[in-house]
C-alpha atoms as a PDB file:
ATOM      1  CA  MET A   1       0.048  -0.012   0.085  1.00  0.00           C
ATOM      2  CA  PRO A   2       1.319   3.538  -0.644  1.00  0.00           C
ATOM      3  CA  GLY A   3       3.098   5.072   2.112  1.00  0.00           C
ATOM      4  CA  LYS A   4       4.158   1.734   3.721  1.00  0.00           C
ATOM      5  CA  VAL A   5       7.630   1.608   2.145  1.00  0.00           C
ATOM      6  CA  THR A   6       9.984   4.284   3.593  1.00  0.00           C
ATOM      7  CA  MET A   7      12.619   6.407   2.066  1.00  0.00           C
ATOM      8  CA  GLU A   8      15.287   4.474   4.165  1.00  0.00           C
ATOM      9  CA  GLU A   9      14.074   1.193   2.581  1.00  0.00           C
ATOM     10  CA  ILE A  10      14.354   2.621  -0.918  1.00  0.00           C
ATOM     11  CA  ALA A  11      17.807   3.799  -0.096  1.00  0.00           C
ATOM     12  CA  ARG A  12      18.924   0.566   1.281  1.00  0.00           C
ATOM     13  CA  LEU A  13      17.507  -1.511  -1.751  1.00  0.00           C
ATOM     14  CA  ALA A  14      19.031   0.917  -4.224  1.00  0.00           C
ATOM     15  CA  GLY A  15      22.414   0.914  -2.462  1.00  0.00           C
ATOM     16  CA  VAL A  16      22.423   4.715  -1.918  1.00  0.00           C
ATOM     17  CA  SER A  17      21.951   7.155   0.822  1.00  0.00           C
ATOM     18  CA  LYS A  18      18.660   8.617   2.029  1.00  0.00           C
ATOM     19  CA  ALA A  19      19.900  11.989   0.870  1.00  0.00           C
ATOM     20  CA  THR A  20      20.306  10.595  -2.650  1.00  0.00           C
ATOM     21  CA  VAL A  21      16.637   9.267  -2.644  1.00  0.00           C
ATOM     22  CA  SER A  22      15.504  12.640  -1.436  1.00  0.00           C
ATOM     23  CA  ARG A  23      17.293  14.392  -4.348  1.00  0.00           C
ATOM     24  CA  VAL A  24      15.691  12.094  -6.856  1.00  0.00           C
ATOM     25  CA  LEU A  25      12.277  12.647  -5.235  1.00  0.00           C
ATOM     26  CA  ASN A  26      12.729  16.336  -5.434  1.00  0.00           C
ATOM     27  CA  GLN A  27      14.357  16.300  -8.927  1.00  0.00           C
ATOM     28  CA  LYS A  28      17.571  17.964  -7.603  1.00  0.00           C
ATOM     29  CA  PRO A  29      20.826  17.675  -9.509  1.00  0.00           C
ATOM     30  CA  GLY A  30      23.864  15.720  -8.240  1.00  0.00           C
ATOM     31  CA  VAL A  31      22.631  12.181  -8.972  1.00  0.00           C
ATOM     32  CA  GLY A  32      23.957  10.001 -11.713  1.00  0.00           C
ATOM     33  CA  GLU A  33      21.576   8.997 -14.386  1.00  0.00           C
ATOM     34  CA  ASN A  34      21.885   5.245 -13.709  1.00  0.00           C
ATOM     35  CA  THR A  35      21.307   5.808 -10.051  1.00  0.00           C
ATOM     36  CA  ARG A  36      18.384   8.082 -10.672  1.00  0.00           C
ATOM     37  CA  LYS A  37      16.744   5.380 -12.960  1.00  0.00           C
ATOM     38  CA  ARG A  38      17.383   2.655 -10.377  1.00  0.00           C
ATOM     39  CA  VAL A  39      15.742   4.573  -7.719  1.00  0.00           C
ATOM     40  CA  ILE A  40      12.750   5.649  -9.821  1.00  0.00           C
ATOM     41  CA  LYS A  41      12.206   1.976 -10.810  1.00  0.00           C
ATOM     42  CA  LEU A  42      12.193   0.896  -7.065  1.00  0.00           C
ATOM     43  CA  ILE A  43       9.741   3.654  -6.249  1.00  0.00           C
ATOM     44  CA  GLY A  44       7.507   2.358  -9.004  1.00  0.00           C
ATOM     45  CA  GLU A  45       7.797  -1.348  -7.923  1.00  0.00           C
ATOM     46  CA  LEU A  46       7.414  -0.897  -4.214  1.00  0.00           C
ATOM     47  CA  GLU A  47       4.631   1.750  -4.506  1.00  0.00           C
ATOM     48  CA  TYR A  48       6.365   4.272  -2.353  1.00  0.00           C
ATOM     49  CA  ASP A  49       4.144   7.382  -2.066  1.00  0.00           C
ATOM     50  CA  SER A  50       6.187  10.564  -2.489  1.00  0.00           C
ATOM     51  CA  ASP A  51       3.472  12.973  -1.659  1.00  0.00           C
ATOM     52  CA  ASP A  52       5.768  14.502   0.870  1.00  0.00           C
ATOM     53  CA  ARG A  53       7.545  16.313  -2.169  1.00  0.00           C
ATOM     54  CA  LEU A  54       6.412  19.708  -2.445  1.00  0.00           C
ATOM     55  CA  PRO A  55       4.709  20.564  -5.881  1.00  0.00           C
ATOM     56  CA  GLY A  56       6.147  23.937  -5.632  1.00  0.00           C
ATOM     57  CA  LEU A  57       9.612  22.729  -6.129  1.00  0.00           C
ATOM     58  CA  ALA A  58       8.644  21.718  -9.689  1.00  0.00           C
ATOM     59  CA  ALA A  59       7.986  25.381 -10.589  1.00  0.00           C
ATOM     60  CA  LYS A  60      11.309  26.511  -9.331  1.00  0.00           C
ATOM     61  CA  MET A  61      13.285  23.665 -11.337  1.00  0.00           C
ATOM     62  CA  ARG A  62      11.138  23.514 -14.545  1.00  0.00           C
ATOM     63  CA  MET A  63      13.023  22.238 -17.480  1.00  0.00           C
ATOM     64  CA  LYS A  64      10.470  23.411 -20.072  1.00  0.00           C
ATOM     65  CA  ASN A  65      10.486  19.814 -21.482  1.00  0.00           C
ATOM     66  CA  ILE A  66       7.259  17.925 -22.323  1.00  0.00           C
ATOM     67  CA  ALA A  67       7.145  14.335 -23.385  1.00  0.00           C
ATOM     68  CA  LEU A  68       5.166  12.900 -26.078  1.00  0.00           C
ATOM     69  CA  ILE A  69       4.727   9.067 -26.164  1.00  0.00           C
ATOM     70  CA  ILE A  70       3.014   7.707 -29.295  1.00  0.00           C
ATOM     71  CA  PRO A  71       2.515   4.121 -30.539  1.00  0.00           C
ATOM     72  CA  ASP A  72       3.916   4.380 -34.042  1.00  0.00           C
ATOM     73  CA  ILE A  73       5.968   7.102 -35.392  1.00  0.00           C
ATOM     74  CA  THR A  74       5.781   5.813 -38.862  1.00  0.00           C
ATOM     75  CA  ASN A  75       1.978   6.235 -38.918  1.00  0.00           C
ATOM     76  CA  PRO A  76       1.223   9.498 -40.734  1.00  0.00           C
ATOM     77  CA  PHE A  77      -1.508  10.293 -38.139  1.00  0.00           C
ATOM     78  CA  PHE A  78       0.898  10.244 -35.270  1.00  0.00           C
ATOM     79  CA  GLY A  79       3.621  11.860 -37.167  1.00  0.00           C
ATOM     80  CA  GLU A  80       1.432  15.053 -38.017  1.00  0.00           C
ATOM     81  CA  MET A  81       0.080  15.026 -34.464  1.00  0.00           C
ATOM     82  CA  ALA A  82       3.697  15.139 -33.142  1.00  0.00           C
ATOM     83  CA  ARG A  83       4.584  18.056 -35.412  1.00  0.00           C
ATOM     84  CA  THR A  84       1.460  19.936 -34.519  1.00  0.00           C
ATOM     85  CA  ILE A  85       2.106  19.501 -30.759  1.00  0.00           C
ATOM     86  CA  GLY A  86       5.762  20.349 -31.134  1.00  0.00           C
ATOM     87  CA  LEU A  87       4.999  23.605 -32.879  1.00  0.00           C
ATOM     88  CA  LYS A  88       2.317  24.714 -30.302  1.00  0.00           C
ATOM     89  CA  LEU A  89       4.775  23.923 -27.497  1.00  0.00           C
ATOM     90  CA  ASN A  90       7.603  25.796 -29.016  1.00  0.00           C
ATOM     91  CA  GLU A  91       5.361  28.899 -29.226  1.00  0.00           C
ATOM     92  CA  LYS A  92       4.944  28.579 -25.478  1.00  0.00           C
ATOM     93  CA  GLY A  93       8.601  28.242 -24.791  1.00  0.00           C
ATOM     94  CA  TYR A  94       8.632  24.331 -24.300  1.00  0.00           C
ATOM     95  CA  SER A  95      10.736  21.671 -26.012  1.00  0.00           C
ATOM     96  CA  LEU A  96       9.174  18.413 -27.131  1.00  0.00           C
ATOM     97  CA  LEU A  97      10.706  14.935 -26.352  1.00  0.00           C
ATOM     98  CA  LEU A  98       9.431  12.025 -28.302  1.00  0.00           C
ATOM     99  CA  GLY A  99       9.040   8.336 -27.626  1.00  0.00           C
ATOM    100  CA  ASP A 100       7.737   5.621 -29.826  1.00  0.00           C
ATOM    101  CA  SER A 101       6.222   2.765 -27.883  1.00  0.00           C
ATOM    102  CA  MET A 102       5.720   0.637 -31.064  1.00  0.00           C
ATOM    103  CA  PHE A 103       2.260  -0.634 -29.850  1.00  0.00           C
ATOM    104  CA  LEU A 104       4.171  -2.483 -27.051  1.00  0.00           C
ATOM    105  CA  THR A 105       3.036  -1.859 -23.397  1.00  0.00           C
ATOM    106  CA  GLU A 106       6.562  -2.742 -22.094  1.00  0.00           C
ATOM    107  CA  MET A 107       7.954   0.013 -24.333  1.00  0.00           C
ATOM    108  CA  GLU A 108       5.242   2.444 -23.114  1.00  0.00           C
ATOM    109  CA  ALA A 109       6.331   1.663 -19.627  1.00  0.00           C
ATOM    110  CA  LYS A 110      10.045   2.055 -20.562  1.00  0.00           C
ATOM    111  CA  TRP A 111       9.467   5.432 -21.896  1.00  0.00           C
ATOM    112  CA  ILE A 112       7.448   6.683 -18.951  1.00  0.00           C
ATOM    113  CA  ARG A 113      10.360   5.629 -16.591  1.00  0.00           C
ATOM    114  CA  GLU A 114      12.824   7.222 -18.963  1.00  0.00           C
ATOM    115  CA  PHE A 115      10.960  10.506 -19.076  1.00  0.00           C
ATOM    116  CA  VAL A 116      10.351  10.648 -15.390  1.00  0.00           C
ATOM    117  CA  SER A 117      14.039  10.143 -14.780  1.00  0.00           C
ATOM    118  CA  LYS A 118      14.721  13.115 -17.235  1.00  0.00           C
ATOM    119  CA  LYS A 119      12.571  15.300 -15.008  1.00  0.00           C
ATOM    120  CA  VAL A 120      10.124  16.399 -17.732  1.00  0.00           C
ATOM    121  CA  ASP A 121       7.441  18.804 -16.801  1.00  0.00           C
ATOM    122  CA  GLY A 122       4.594  16.894 -18.323  1.00  0.00           C
ATOM    123  CA  ILE A 123       3.713  13.852 -20.328  1.00  0.00           C
ATOM    124  CA  ILE A 124       1.313  13.607 -23.369  1.00  0.00           C
ATOM    125  CA  LEU A 125       0.561   9.834 -23.713  1.00  0.00           C
ATOM    126  CA  ALA A 126      -1.257   7.975 -26.513  1.00  0.00           C
ATOM    127  CA  PRO A 127      -1.621   4.703 -24.592  1.00  0.00           C
ATOM    128  CA  VAL A 128      -1.255   1.270 -26.236  1.00  0.00           C
ATOM    129  CA  SER A 129      -4.029  -0.306 -24.303  1.00  0.00           C
ATOM    130  CA  GLY A 130      -6.573   0.478 -21.461  1.00  0.00           C
ATOM    131  CA  LYS A 131      -4.513  -1.436 -18.903  1.00  0.00           C
ATOM    132  CA  VAL A 132      -3.265   0.474 -15.811  1.00  0.00           C
ATOM    133  CA  MET A 133       0.467  -0.109 -15.259  1.00  0.00           C
ATOM    134  CA  LYS A 134       2.466   0.752 -12.130  1.00  0.00           C
ATOM    135  CA  GLU A 135       4.417   3.281 -14.388  1.00  0.00           C
ATOM    136  CA  HIS A 136       1.437   5.386 -14.923  1.00  0.00           C
ATOM    137  CA  ASP A 137       1.428   5.898 -11.114  1.00  0.00           C
ATOM    138  CA  LEU A 138       4.951   7.180 -11.331  1.00  0.00           C
ATOM    139  CA  MET A 139       3.539  10.359 -12.935  1.00  0.00           C
ATOM    140  CA  ARG A 140       1.389  11.048  -9.913  1.00  0.00           C
ATOM    141  CA  LYS A 141       4.143  10.237  -7.526  1.00  0.00           C
ATOM    142  CA  PHE A 142       6.589  12.631  -9.130  1.00  0.00           C
ATOM    143  CA  HIS A 143       3.797  15.228  -9.663  1.00  0.00           C
ATOM    144  CA  ILE A 144       4.113  15.140 -13.379  1.00  0.00           C
ATOM    145  CA  PRO A 145       0.889  15.995 -15.176  1.00  0.00           C
ATOM    146  CA  CYS A 146      -0.390  13.732 -17.966  1.00  0.00           C
ATOM    147  CA  VAL A 147      -2.799  14.179 -20.839  1.00  0.00           C
ATOM    148  CA  PHE A 148      -4.069  11.167 -22.737  1.00  0.00           C
ATOM    149  CA  LEU A 149      -4.200  11.689 -26.481  1.00  0.00           C
ATOM    150  CA  ASP A 150      -6.569   9.968 -28.815  1.00  0.00           C
ATOM    151  CA  ASN A 151      -6.851   6.929 -26.673  1.00  0.00           C
ATOM    152  CA  TYR A 152      -7.314   6.928 -22.941  1.00  0.00           C
ATOM    153  CA  ILE A 153      -7.164   4.832 -19.712  1.00  0.00           C
ATOM    154  CA  GLU A 154      -9.896   5.084 -17.078  1.00  0.00           C
ATOM    155  CA  ASP A 155      -9.387   5.182 -13.305  1.00  0.00           C
ATOM    156  CA  ILE A 156      -6.218   7.323 -13.431  1.00  0.00           C
ATOM    157  CA  PRO A 157      -6.883  10.525 -11.569  1.00  0.00           C
ATOM    158  CA  ASN A 158      -5.759  14.021 -12.548  1.00  0.00           C
ATOM    159  CA  CYS A 159      -5.176  13.132 -16.045  1.00  0.00           C
ATOM    160  CA  GLY A 160      -6.828  15.087 -18.988  1.00  0.00           C
ATOM    161  CA  VAL A 161      -8.136  13.507 -22.165  1.00  0.00           C
ATOM    162  CA  VAL A 162      -8.068  14.961 -25.675  1.00  0.00           C
ATOM    163  CA  ALA A 163      -9.977  12.523 -28.175  1.00  0.00           C
ATOM    164  CA  THR A 164     -12.566  12.438 -30.885  1.00  0.00           C
ATOM    165  CA  ASP A 165     -16.122  11.242 -30.529  1.00  0.00           C
ATOM    166  CA  ASN A 166     -15.127   7.915 -31.847  1.00  0.00           C
ATOM    167  CA  GLU A 167     -18.488   6.172 -31.278  1.00  0.00           C
ATOM    168  CA  LEU A 168     -20.437   9.006 -33.128  1.00  0.00           C
ATOM    169  CA  ALA A 169     -17.775   8.964 -36.071  1.00  0.00           C
ATOM    170  CA  ILE A 170     -18.304   5.297 -36.905  1.00  0.00           C
ATOM    171  CA  TYR A 171     -22.040   5.514 -36.335  1.00  0.00           C
ATOM    172  CA  THR A 172     -22.155   8.330 -38.787  1.00  0.00           C
ATOM    173  CA  ALA A 173     -20.285   6.397 -41.489  1.00  0.00           C
ATOM    174  CA  CYS A 174     -22.594   3.386 -40.936  1.00  0.00           C
ATOM    175  CA  GLU A 175     -25.727   5.583 -41.150  1.00  0.00           C
ATOM    176  CA  PHE A 176     -24.510   7.086 -44.370  1.00  0.00           C
ATOM    177  CA  LEU A 177     -24.256   3.640 -45.991  1.00  0.00           C
ATOM    178  CA  ILE A 178     -27.448   2.269 -44.434  1.00  0.00           C
ATOM    179  CA  LYS A 179     -29.507   5.218 -45.757  1.00  0.00           C
ATOM    180  CA  ARG A 180     -28.320   4.344 -49.219  1.00  0.00           C
ATOM    181  CA  GLY A 181     -29.594   0.903 -49.101  1.00  0.00           C
ATOM    182  CA  VAL A 182     -26.492  -0.906 -47.756  1.00  0.00           C
ATOM    183  CA  ARG A 183     -27.239  -3.673 -45.190  1.00  0.00           C
ATOM    184  CA  LYS A 184     -24.176  -5.800 -45.102  1.00  0.00           C
ATOM    185  CA  ILE A 185     -21.260  -3.685 -43.801  1.00  0.00           C
ATOM    186  CA  ALA A 186     -18.042  -5.179 -42.701  1.00  0.00           C
ATOM    187  CA  TYR A 187     -15.919  -3.450 -40.030  1.00  0.00           C
ATOM    188  CA  ILE A 188     -12.315  -3.637 -39.549  1.00  0.00           C
ATOM    189  CA  GLY A 189     -11.287  -2.246 -36.095  1.00  0.00           C
ATOM    190  CA  GLY A 190      -8.527  -2.371 -33.593  1.00  0.00           C
ATOM    191  CA  LYS A 191      -8.137  -4.265 -30.401  1.00  0.00           C
ATOM    192  CA  SER A 192     -11.318  -3.617 -28.532  1.00  0.00           C
ATOM    193  CA  LYS A 193      -9.559  -3.667 -25.063  1.00  0.00           C
ATOM    194  CA  THR A 194      -8.359   0.012 -25.791  1.00  0.00           C
ATOM    195  CA  GLY A 195     -10.748   2.918 -25.301  1.00  0.00           C
ATOM    196  CA  VAL A 196     -10.622   4.179 -28.840  1.00  0.00           C
ATOM    197  CA  SER A 197     -11.103   0.748 -30.440  1.00  0.00           C
ATOM    198  CA  TYR A 198     -14.066  -0.099 -28.199  1.00  0.00           C
ATOM    199  CA  ASP A 199     -15.771   3.239 -28.807  1.00  0.00           C
ATOM    200  CA  ARG A 200     -15.517   2.757 -32.530  1.00  0.00           C
ATOM    201  CA  LEU A 201     -16.861  -0.748 -32.361  1.00  0.00           C
ATOM    202  CA  LYS A 202     -19.684   0.544 -30.222  1.00  0.00           C
ATOM    203  CA  GLY A 203     -20.497   3.001 -32.917  1.00  0.00           C
ATOM    204  CA  TYR A 204     -20.874   0.247 -35.372  1.00  0.00           C
ATOM    205  CA  MET A 205     -22.904  -1.777 -33.081  1.00  0.00           C
ATOM    206  CA  SER A 206     -25.234   1.038 -32.273  1.00  0.00           C
ATOM    207  CA  ALA A 207     -25.848   1.741 -35.997  1.00  0.00           C
ATOM    208  CA  MET A 208     -26.826  -1.848 -36.581  1.00  0.00           C
ATOM    209  CA  GLN A 209     -29.177  -1.735 -33.501  1.00  0.00           C
ATOM    210  CA  GLN A 210     -30.706   1.605 -34.412  1.00  0.00           C
ATOM    211  CA  TYR A 211     -31.581   0.556 -38.000  1.00  0.00           C
ATOM    212  CA  ASN A 212     -32.691  -3.065 -37.062  1.00  0.00           C
ATOM    213  CA  ILE A 213     -29.794  -4.754 -38.713  1.00  0.00           C
ATOM    214  CA  GLU A 214     -28.712  -8.006 -37.245  1.00  0.00           C
ATOM    215  CA  TYR A 215     -25.188  -7.796 -35.813  1.00  0.00           C
ATOM    216  CA  GLN A 216     -23.048 -10.495 -37.475  1.00  0.00           C
ATOM    217  CA  ASN A 217     -19.829 -11.227 -35.657  1.00  0.00           C
ATOM    218  CA  GLU A 218     -18.271 -12.574 -38.789  1.00  0.00           C
ATOM    219  CA  LEU A 219     -18.447  -9.214 -40.442  1.00  0.00           C
ATOM    220  CA  VAL A 220     -16.213  -7.756 -37.814  1.00  0.00           C
ATOM    221  CA  LYS A 221     -12.409  -8.161 -37.965  1.00  0.00           C
ATOM    222  CA  VAL A 222      -9.755  -7.007 -35.649  1.00  0.00           C
ATOM    223  CA  GLY A 223      -6.655  -5.340 -37.199  1.00  0.00           C
ATOM    224  CA  SER A 224      -3.653  -3.552 -35.797  1.00  0.00           C
ATOM    225  CA  TYR A 225      -4.085  -0.214 -37.588  1.00  0.00           C
ATOM    226  CA  THR A 226      -1.533  -1.206 -40.300  1.00  0.00           C
ATOM    227  CA  VAL A 227      -1.838  -1.650 -44.126  1.00  0.00           C
ATOM    228  CA  GLU A 228      -1.071  -5.396 -43.681  1.00  0.00           C
ATOM    229  CA  SER A 229      -3.891  -6.033 -41.212  1.00  0.00           C
ATOM    230  CA  GLY A 230      -6.529  -4.391 -43.489  1.00  0.00           C
ATOM    231  CA  TYR A 231      -5.319  -6.455 -46.386  1.00  0.00           C
ATOM    232  CA  LYS A 232      -5.360  -9.570 -44.342  1.00  0.00           C
ATOM    233  CA  ALA A 233      -8.912  -8.922 -42.884  1.00  0.00           C
ATOM    234  CA  ILE A 234     -10.426  -8.798 -46.452  1.00  0.00           C
ATOM    235  CA  LEU A 235      -8.709 -12.057 -47.507  1.00  0.00           C
ATOM    236  CA  GLU A 236     -10.140 -13.560 -44.276  1.00  0.00           C
ATOM    237  CA  LEU A 237     -13.563 -12.462 -45.031  1.00  0.00           C
ATOM    238  CA  LYS A 238     -13.434 -13.760 -48.575  1.00  0.00           C
ATOM    239  CA  SER A 239     -11.847 -17.105 -47.468  1.00  0.00           C
ATOM    240  CA  ALA A 240     -14.677 -17.533 -44.933  1.00  0.00           C
ATOM    241  CA  GLY A 241     -17.249 -16.846 -47.576  1.00  0.00           C
ATOM    242  CA  VAL A 242     -18.609 -13.740 -45.892  1.00  0.00           C
ATOM    243  CA  GLU A 243     -20.678 -11.505 -48.124  1.00  0.00           C
ATOM    244  CA  PHE A 244     -20.691  -7.677 -47.722  1.00  0.00           C
ATOM    245  CA  GLU A 245     -21.474  -4.591 -49.716  1.00  0.00           C
ATOM    246  CA  ALA A 246     -19.227  -2.141 -47.870  1.00  0.00           C
ATOM    247  CA  VAL A 247     -16.313  -2.010 -45.445  1.00  0.00           C
ATOM    248  CA  ILE A 248     -15.589   0.603 -42.819  1.00  0.00           C
ATOM    249  CA  CYS A 249     -11.953   0.653 -41.475  1.00  0.00           C
ATOM    250  CA  ALA A 250     -10.924   2.180 -38.174  1.00  0.00           C
ATOM    251  CA  ASN A 251      -8.045   4.048 -39.955  1.00  0.00           C
ATOM    252  CA  ASP A 252      -6.917   4.933 -43.483  1.00  0.00           C
ATOM    253  CA  LEU A 253      -3.906   2.481 -43.337  1.00  0.00           C
ATOM    254  CA  MET A 254      -6.222  -0.375 -42.901  1.00  0.00           C
ATOM    255  CA  ALA A 255      -8.510   1.035 -45.611  1.00  0.00           C
ATOM    256  CA  LEU A 256      -5.648   1.252 -47.953  1.00  0.00           C
ATOM    257  CA  GLY A 257      -4.794  -2.521 -47.383  1.00  0.00           C
ATOM    258  CA  ALA A 258      -8.492  -3.375 -47.693  1.00  0.00           C
ATOM    259  CA  MET A 259      -8.774  -1.598 -51.004  1.00  0.00           C
ATOM    260  CA  ASN A 260      -5.623  -3.404 -52.338  1.00  0.00           C
ATOM    261  CA  ALA A 261      -6.924  -6.758 -51.345  1.00  0.00           C
ATOM    262  CA  LEU A 262     -10.352  -6.026 -53.024  1.00  0.00           C
ATOM    263  CA  LYS A 263      -8.803  -5.114 -56.202  1.00  0.00           C
ATOM    264  CA  GLU A 264      -6.593  -8.261 -56.231  1.00  0.00           C
ATOM    265  CA  LEU A 265      -9.846 -10.207 -55.620  1.00  0.00           C
ATOM    266  CA  SER A 266     -11.306  -8.367 -58.827  1.00  0.00           C
ATOM    267  CA  TYR A 267     -13.837  -6.313 -56.896  1.00  0.00           C
ATOM    268  CA  LYS A 268     -14.682  -2.897 -58.285  1.00  0.00           C
ATOM    269  CA  ILE A 269     -14.720   0.005 -55.952  1.00  0.00           C
ATOM    270  CA  PRO A 270     -17.205   1.367 -55.241  1.00  0.00           C
ATOM    271  CA  GLU A 271     -19.470  -0.548 -57.726  1.00  0.00           C
ATOM    272  CA  ASP A 272     -19.169  -3.936 -55.940  1.00  0.00           C
ATOM    273  CA  ILE A 273     -17.813  -2.751 -52.498  1.00  0.00           C
ATOM    274  CA  GLN A 274     -17.754   0.697 -50.950  1.00  0.00           C
ATOM    275  CA  VAL A 275     -14.860   1.576 -48.638  1.00  0.00           C
ATOM    276  CA  ILE A 276     -14.714   4.211 -45.795  1.00  0.00           C
ATOM    277  CA  GLY A 277     -11.555   5.008 -43.768  1.00  0.00           C
ATOM    278  CA  TYR A 278     -10.806   7.108 -40.610  1.00  0.00           C
ATOM    279  CA  ASP A 279      -8.282   9.788 -40.227  1.00  0.00           C
ATOM    280  CA  ASN A 280      -8.165  11.768 -43.629  1.00  0.00           C
ATOM    281  CA  MET A 281      -4.415  10.976 -43.970  1.00  0.00           C
ATOM    282  CA  PHE A 282      -2.559  12.972 -46.621  1.00  0.00           C
ATOM    283  CA  PHE A 283      -2.588  10.055 -48.965  1.00  0.00           C
ATOM    284  CA  SER A 284      -6.278   9.088 -48.884  1.00  0.00           C
ATOM    285  CA  GLN A 285      -7.332  11.656 -51.531  1.00  0.00           C
ATOM    286  CA  TYR A 286      -4.641  10.396 -53.971  1.00  0.00           C
ATOM    287  CA  LEU A 287      -5.642   6.733 -53.913  1.00  0.00           C
ATOM    288  CA  THR A 288      -7.513   5.203 -56.910  1.00  0.00           C
ATOM    289  CA  PRO A 289     -10.264   5.505 -56.240  1.00  0.00           C
ATOM    290  CA  ALA A 290     -10.028   8.442 -53.825  1.00  0.00           C
ATOM    291  CA  LEU A 291     -10.866   7.245 -50.245  1.00  0.00           C
ATOM    292  CA  SER A 292     -13.968   8.387 -48.495  1.00  0.00           C
ATOM    293  CA  THR A 293     -12.986   8.907 -44.944  1.00  0.00           C
ATOM    294  CA  LEU A 294     -13.773  10.510 -41.580  1.00  0.00           C
ATOM    295  CA  GLN A 295     -11.785  13.674 -40.990  1.00  0.00           C
ATOM    296  CA  HIS A 296      -9.932  13.397 -37.834  1.00  0.00           C
ATOM    297  CA  PRO A 297      -9.211  17.028 -36.454  1.00  0.00           C
ATOM    298  CA  ILE A 298      -5.419  16.328 -35.947  1.00  0.00           C
ATOM    299  CA  ILE A 299      -4.321  19.858 -35.831  1.00  0.00           C
ATOM    300  CA  GLU A 300      -7.065  20.910 -33.318  1.00  0.00           C
ATOM    301  CA  MET A 301      -6.343  17.690 -31.163  1.00  0.00           C
ATOM    302  CA  GLY A 302      -2.617  18.493 -31.160  1.00  0.00           C
ATOM    303  CA  ASN A 303      -3.162  22.066 -30.262  1.00  0.00           C
ATOM    304  CA  ARG A 304      -5.734  21.216 -27.432  1.00  0.00           C
ATOM    305  CA  ALA A 305      -3.412  18.571 -26.107  1.00  0.00           C
ATOM    306  CA  ALA A 306      -0.555  21.002 -25.839  1.00  0.00           C
ATOM    307  CA  GLU A 307      -2.703  23.642 -24.276  1.00  0.00           C
ATOM    308  CA  PHE A 308      -3.989  20.967 -21.845  1.00  0.00           C
ATOM    309  CA  ILE A 309      -0.561  19.891 -20.681  1.00  0.00           C
ATOM    310  CA  ILE A 310       0.629  23.364 -20.186  1.00  0.00           C
ATOM    311  CA  LYS A 311      -2.420  24.193 -18.078  1.00  0.00           C
ATOM    312  CA  GLY A 312      -1.806  20.930 -16.041  1.00  0.00           C
ATOM    313  CA  ILE A 313       1.836  22.065 -15.432  1.00  0.00           C
ATOM    314  CA  GLU A 314       0.707  25.510 -14.200  1.00  0.00           C
ATOM    315  CA  GLU A 315      -2.343  24.267 -12.171  1.00  0.00           C
ATOM    316  CA  TYR A 316      -1.168  20.856 -11.062  1.00  0.00           C
ATOM    317  CA  PRO A 317      -3.100  18.632  -9.904  1.00  0.00           C
ATOM    318  CA  ASN A 318      -6.209  20.269 -11.427  1.00  0.00           C
ATOM    319  CA  ASN A 319      -5.744  18.677 -14.785  1.00  0.00           C
ATOM    320  CA  SER A 320      -8.703  16.326 -15.220  1.00  0.00           C
ATOM    321  CA  GLY A 321     -11.491  16.461 -17.764  1.00  0.00           C
ATOM    322  CA  MET A 322     -12.128  15.315 -21.264  1.00  0.00           C
ATOM    323  CA  VAL A 323     -12.358  17.123 -24.575  1.00  0.00           C
ATOM    324  CA  LYS A 324     -14.227  15.224 -27.313  1.00  0.00           C
ATOM    325  CA  LEU A 325     -13.860  16.539 -30.716  1.00  0.00           C
ATOM    326  CA  LYS A 326     -16.114  16.047 -33.750  1.00  0.00           C
ATOM    327  CA  THR A 327     -15.282  14.413 -37.050  1.00  0.00           C
ATOM    328  CA  ARG A 328     -16.614  15.012 -40.430  1.00  0.00           C
ATOM    329  CA  LEU A 329     -17.379  12.460 -43.159  1.00  0.00           C
ATOM    330  CA  LEU A 330     -15.650  13.362 -46.441  1.00  0.00           C
ATOM    331  CA  LEU A 331     -17.158  11.709 -49.527  1.00  0.00           C
ATOM    332  CA  ARG A 332     -14.963  10.828 -52.293  1.00  0.00           C
ATOM    333  CA  GLN A 333     -14.807   8.147 -55.076  1.00  0.00           C
ATOM    334  CA  SER A 334     -14.661   4.923 -52.950  1.00  0.00           C
ATOM    335  CA  THR A 335     -18.425   5.412 -51.952  1.00  0.00           C
ATOM    336  CA  LYS A 336     -21.436   5.955 -54.286  1.00  0.00           C
END
């Protein structure tokens, strides 16, 4: 339980003095980087509660560095997001540090430990899953404000959230197709254990229920937000003999893979199968046919996240709340 482990015990286990642990807790200089990381790791593992550290010290020692942890730097969505956040932070006198978790929870944990040890002033995190890890509590213990971006984790106090209304977005895409007579709609989403993936799947399910269309589990495929997973999902649908008139993908990369697979299977888009993506990545309008997609307000999201984290730094711990931004369905040649 928090508070049960003493500073003396942390010092003994780390092989350092109590004064060294105190310097780490209060983000003071004079501690080697390896030692600092070792102490922070023990604090996280043993659940030592460092609430005795005065938040006011952070203002005096502010480094003007904010960390951004994203799951895939090669994904254009996150690349543009990082650029937007970096520009906004630079306007406010802050520098951006970037970590790529590569959709691995262990890498996300590593980056959190790394950035906490570097004494960043705040962390913007696009979490890999909805699972709470002990590393997430390190941010609270070291009084580092956090803003969840795009995805989010419930039950973590004093963390802001900037996301889109994912449920409404997918519902809107389904509704567009249904009102034009489409009944068999395939859906390629992400792993539903994450907040964003679950919300988008809920949007699909809600539309089916609202328009009295039977939900068919075989029409739903789980991807990994990559081109390859969208391609594979279509092949799996075809191999299983599942019939569908349209496919909605949870991002444009999976939609690109889906379109490539449909073409290889000799389907005409949109005459035989209609396709809708999500994000409006830069390449979507240049595909053949041009991809209909849900416009993700990337620039607004990035700016709001930057503003949110700066507010958290200045007003910590009053940094809770959720901002949900609206998407817009952009109709191009992949739909009728």
